[in-house]
């Protein structure tokens, strides 16, 4: 079974010879957002094995802009549109600037594949190790433009990811792992990121739609005020 949300095809689906039906849906946008809809393509395959997932993964290994996920027999394939990539890069830029301004060493690990063999595999849009580079990031961030897919937090719980942020409809939602369950939080509980006011970060992301320089200046000011 294949479920999809698609707009204009931007990637060649070489691992799949069969065709699929896709519909274009326009999600309600907050008034402060300039991007009104997503050009992401979202495919979901149920009842698949880990081995099938790894074969599909091989088929996409030379395809930039594709995110692959596996958990509980479900394969999810997300082909990123321009708006998705824009917000992902802006969020990554702003967090990197914040770390640099407060003088904290960090390792941006981007969309590195995080997996437990035979159980789960995920690729966040952005991820970070605070301090030195580690085998598993401290923070994963996903930009969400599509709905109706698997519970993303279930995947990250299986990966034991300490903290997960989602950007959706112009807002951040933060989730911290506590006793094998994610708890919704208003402010990061990770070292140093506790100092980051999420409302300011949100404002900076929205400002960046028209001026990246202004957004960077604002996050720098916020970092200075947090010391």
Protein backbone atom coordinates (compact mmCIF):
# COMPACT_ATOMS: atom_id res chain seq x y z
CA UNK A 1 0.00 0.00 0.00
CA UNK A 2 1.34 3.39 -0.93
CA UNK A 3 -0.02 6.64 0.44
CA UNK A 4 1.14 9.92 -0.95
CA UNK A 5 1.07 13.69 -0.85
CA UNK A 6 2.73 15.07 -3.92
CA UNK A 7 3.16 18.11 -6.08
CA UNK A 8 5.32 18.44 -9.17
CA UNK A 9 7.71 15.50 -9.43
CA UNK A 10 11.24 16.63 -8.60
CA UNK A 11 12.94 13.26 -8.09
CA UNK A 12 13.12 10.06 -10.13
CA UNK A 13 11.52 7.19 -8.22
CA UNK A 14 13.90 4.61 -9.68
CA UNK A 15 13.43 1.92 -6.98
CA UNK A 16 9.71 1.65 -7.82
CA UNK A 17 8.55 0.52 -11.23
CA UNK A 18 4.84 0.72 -10.36
CA UNK A 19 2.94 3.97 -10.69
CA UNK A 20 1.00 5.58 -7.88
CA UNK A 21 -1.83 8.05 -7.50
CA UNK A 22 -0.98 11.32 -5.78
CA UNK A 23 -3.07 14.28 -4.73
CA UNK A 24 -2.02 17.80 -4.00
CA UNK A 25 -3.30 19.28 -0.76
CA UNK A 26 -2.85 22.78 0.54
CA UNK A 27 -2.54 23.07 4.30
CA UNK A 28 -3.82 26.17 6.12
CA UNK A 29 -0.92 28.55 6.64
CA UNK A 30 -0.36 31.00 9.46
CA UNK A 31 -0.62 34.59 8.30
CA UNK A 32 3.03 35.36 9.06
CA UNK A 33 4.30 32.59 6.79
CA UNK A 34 5.15 33.44 3.20
CA UNK A 35 5.28 29.79 2.12
CA UNK A 36 1.68 28.70 1.61
CA UNK A 37 2.05 25.04 0.68
CA UNK A 38 4.53 22.22 0.46
CA UNK A 39 6.09 20.67 -2.59
CA UNK A 40 7.24 17.65 -0.57
CA UNK A 41 6.39 14.19 -1.87
CA UNK A 42 5.47 11.71 0.81
CA UNK A 43 5.23 7.94 0.26
CA UNK A 44 4.37 5.31 2.88
CA UNK A 45 4.74 1.54 2.50
CA UNK A 46 3.22 -0.73 5.16
CA UNK A 47 4.00 -4.37 5.94
CA UNK A 48 7.64 -4.24 4.81
CA UNK A 49 10.70 -5.94 6.25
CA UNK A 50 14.01 -4.42 7.31
CA UNK A 51 15.67 -6.18 4.37
CA UNK A 52 13.24 -4.56 1.93
CA UNK A 53 13.96 -1.19 3.50
CA UNK A 54 17.72 -1.62 3.04
CA UNK A 55 17.20 -2.47 -0.64
CA UNK A 56 15.12 0.68 -1.12
CA UNK A 57 17.75 2.65 0.75
CA UNK A 58 20.38 1.45 -1.72
CA UNK A 59 18.21 2.64 -4.60
CA UNK A 60 18.18 6.16 -3.18
CA UNK A 61 21.80 6.34 -2.03
CA UNK A 62 22.74 8.85 -4.77
CA UNK A 63 19.55 10.92 -4.42
CA UNK A 64 20.06 14.12 -2.40
CA UNK A 65 16.99 15.66 -0.84
CA UNK A 66 15.40 12.33 0.09
CA UNK A 67 14.69 11.23 3.68
CA UNK A 68 14.13 7.53 4.47
CA UNK A 69 12.57 6.09 7.61
CA UNK A 70 11.73 2.63 8.90
CA UNK A 71 9.89 1.52 12.02
CA UNK A 72 7.44 -1.24 12.93
CA UNK A 73 7.18 -2.61 9.39
CA UNK A 74 6.51 0.79 7.83
CA UNK A 75 8.79 2.48 5.29
CA UNK A 76 8.41 6.21 4.83
CA UNK A 77 10.02 8.09 1.94
CA UNK A 78 10.04 11.88 1.95
CA UNK A 79 11.28 13.82 -1.09
CA UNK A 80 11.94 17.38 -0.03
CA UNK A 81 10.62 20.45 -1.77
CA UNK A 82 12.25 23.86 -1.79
CA UNK A 83 10.21 25.21 1.13
CA UNK A 84 11.15 22.25 3.33
CA UNK A 85 14.83 22.65 2.53
CA UNK A 86 14.64 26.40 3.14
CA UNK A 87 13.23 26.13 6.66
CA UNK A 88 15.54 23.25 7.52
CA UNK A 89 18.63 25.20 6.52
CA UNK A 90 17.46 28.38 8.22
CA UNK A 91 16.81 26.58 11.51
CA UNK A 92 20.20 24.87 11.30
CA UNK A 93 21.91 28.19 10.56
CA UNK A 94 20.28 30.00 13.47
CA UNK A 95 21.07 27.29 16.02
CA UNK A 96 24.67 27.14 14.80
CA UNK A 97 24.99 30.91 15.17
CA UNK A 98 23.53 30.71 18.68
CA UNK A 99 26.06 28.06 19.75
CA UNK A 100 28.91 30.08 18.27
CA UNK A 101 27.79 33.30 19.94
CA UNK A 102 27.58 31.74 23.42
CA UNK A 103 30.96 30.08 22.89
CA UNK A 104 29.83 26.46 23.08
CA UNK A 105 31.50 23.72 21.04
CA UNK A 106 29.05 21.71 18.95
CA UNK A 107 28.95 19.28 16.03
CA UNK A 108 26.22 19.74 13.40
CA UNK A 109 25.37 16.25 12.11
CA UNK A 110 22.60 17.24 9.70
CA UNK A 111 20.58 14.39 8.20
CA UNK A 112 22.93 11.62 9.31
CA UNK A 113 21.22 8.22 9.36
CA UNK A 114 20.34 7.13 12.88
CA UNK A 115 19.41 3.49 13.23
CA UNK A 116 19.16 0.34 15.33
CA UNK A 117 19.71 -2.57 12.99
CA UNK A 118 16.51 -4.44 12.18
CA UNK A 119 14.36 -2.10 14.28
CA UNK A 120 14.41 1.54 13.28
CA UNK A 121 16.08 3.99 10.93
CA UNK A 122 15.52 7.74 10.70
CA UNK A 123 17.00 10.86 9.12
CA UNK A 124 16.25 14.17 10.80
CA UNK A 125 16.43 17.41 8.84
CA UNK A 126 18.99 18.78 11.31
CA UNK A 127 20.76 17.18 14.26
CA UNK A 128 23.39 18.28 16.75
CA UNK A 129 25.89 16.90 19.20
CA UNK A 130 26.57 19.34 22.01
CA UNK A 131 30.28 19.31 22.75
CA UNK A 132 32.26 16.66 20.88
CA UNK A 133 31.04 14.54 17.98
CA UNK A 134 29.21 11.42 19.19
CA UNK A 135 27.75 8.35 17.54
CA UNK A 136 24.25 9.59 18.41
CA UNK A 137 23.15 13.24 18.34
CA UNK A 138 21.73 14.98 21.40
CA UNK A 139 19.08 16.77 19.37
CA UNK A 140 17.11 15.96 16.22
CA UNK A 141 14.95 18.50 14.40
CA UNK A 142 12.32 17.80 11.75
CA UNK A 143 10.41 20.20 9.53
CA UNK A 144 6.86 18.92 8.98
CA UNK A 145 4.72 19.83 5.99
CA UNK A 146 2.86 16.53 5.59
CA UNK A 147 0.43 14.77 7.92
CA UNK A 148 -1.12 11.34 8.15
CA UNK A 149 2.17 9.47 8.47
CA UNK A 150 3.54 7.33 11.29
CA UNK A 151 4.07 8.80 14.74
CA UNK A 152 7.53 10.32 14.41
CA UNK A 153 8.16 10.27 18.15
CA UNK A 154 7.79 6.47 18.20
CA UNK A 155 10.79 6.22 15.89
CA UNK A 156 12.89 8.55 18.01
CA UNK A 157 11.88 6.75 21.22
CA UNK A 158 13.17 3.51 19.68
CA UNK A 159 16.42 5.37 18.92
CA UNK A 160 16.52 6.78 22.48
CA UNK A 161 16.99 10.29 21.11
CA UNK A 162 17.31 12.66 24.10
CA UNK A 163 15.37 15.55 22.56
CA UNK A 164 13.33 16.11 19.40
CA UNK A 165 12.03 19.38 17.96
CA UNK A 166 9.40 19.74 15.25
CA UNK A 167 8.77 22.85 13.15
CA UNK A 168 5.20 22.85 11.86
CA UNK A 169 2.79 25.63 10.84
CA UNK A 170 5.19 28.33 11.97
CA UNK A 171 5.73 26.94 15.46
CA UNK A 172 8.21 24.73 17.30
CA UNK A 173 7.16 21.84 19.50
CA UNK A 174 9.83 20.40 21.81
CA UNK A 175 9.88 16.88 23.28
CA UNK A 176 12.32 15.56 25.88
CA UNK A 177 12.80 11.83 26.54
CA UNK A 178 12.07 10.95 30.13
CA UNK A 179 11.78 7.33 31.34
CA UNK A 180 11.24 6.05 27.78
CA UNK A 181 8.43 8.50 27.07
CA UNK A 182 8.54 11.92 25.45
CA UNK A 183 7.30 14.86 27.46
CA UNK A 184 6.24 18.09 25.75
CA UNK A 185 8.36 20.96 27.05
CA UNK A 186 8.41 24.72 26.52
CA UNK A 187 12.18 25.14 26.67
CA UNK A 188 15.04 22.80 25.84
CA UNK A 189 16.48 20.76 28.70
CA UNK A 190 19.76 20.11 26.90
CA UNK A 191 22.94 21.76 28.20
CA UNK A 192 23.38 25.32 26.88
CA UNK A 193 20.24 25.16 24.74
CA UNK A 194 18.32 25.84 27.97
CA UNK A 195 19.43 29.43 27.41
CA UNK A 196 17.68 29.69 24.06
CA UNK A 197 14.28 31.37 24.15
CA UNK A 198 12.19 29.31 21.71
CA UNK A 199 9.82 32.20 21.03
CA UNK A 200 12.80 34.28 19.86
CA UNK A 201 14.06 31.41 17.67
CA UNK A 202 10.58 31.11 16.17
CA UNK A 203 10.53 34.82 15.41
CA UNK A 204 13.96 34.57 13.80
CA UNK A 205 12.86 31.71 11.52
CA UNK A 206 9.89 33.75 10.34
CA UNK A 207 11.99 36.87 9.84
CA UNK A 208 14.43 34.81 7.75
CA UNK A 209 11.77 34.38 5.08
CA UNK A 210 12.47 37.97 4.04
CA UNK A 211 15.91 38.69 5.55
CA UNK A 212 18.46 36.12 6.66
CA UNK A 213 20.79 38.89 7.84
CA UNK A 214 18.14 40.39 10.12
CA UNK A 215 17.37 36.94 11.54
CA UNK A 216 21.06 36.29 12.28
CA UNK A 217 21.43 39.69 13.94
CA UNK A 218 18.42 38.98 16.15
CA UNK A 219 19.63 35.53 17.24
CA UNK A 220 23.05 37.01 18.02
CA UNK A 221 21.38 39.64 20.23
CA UNK A 222 19.38 36.92 21.97
CA UNK A 223 22.58 34.94 22.60
CA UNK A 224 24.25 38.00 24.10
CA UNK A 225 21.30 38.61 26.40
CA UNK A 226 21.34 34.97 27.57
CA UNK A 227 24.86 35.20 29.05
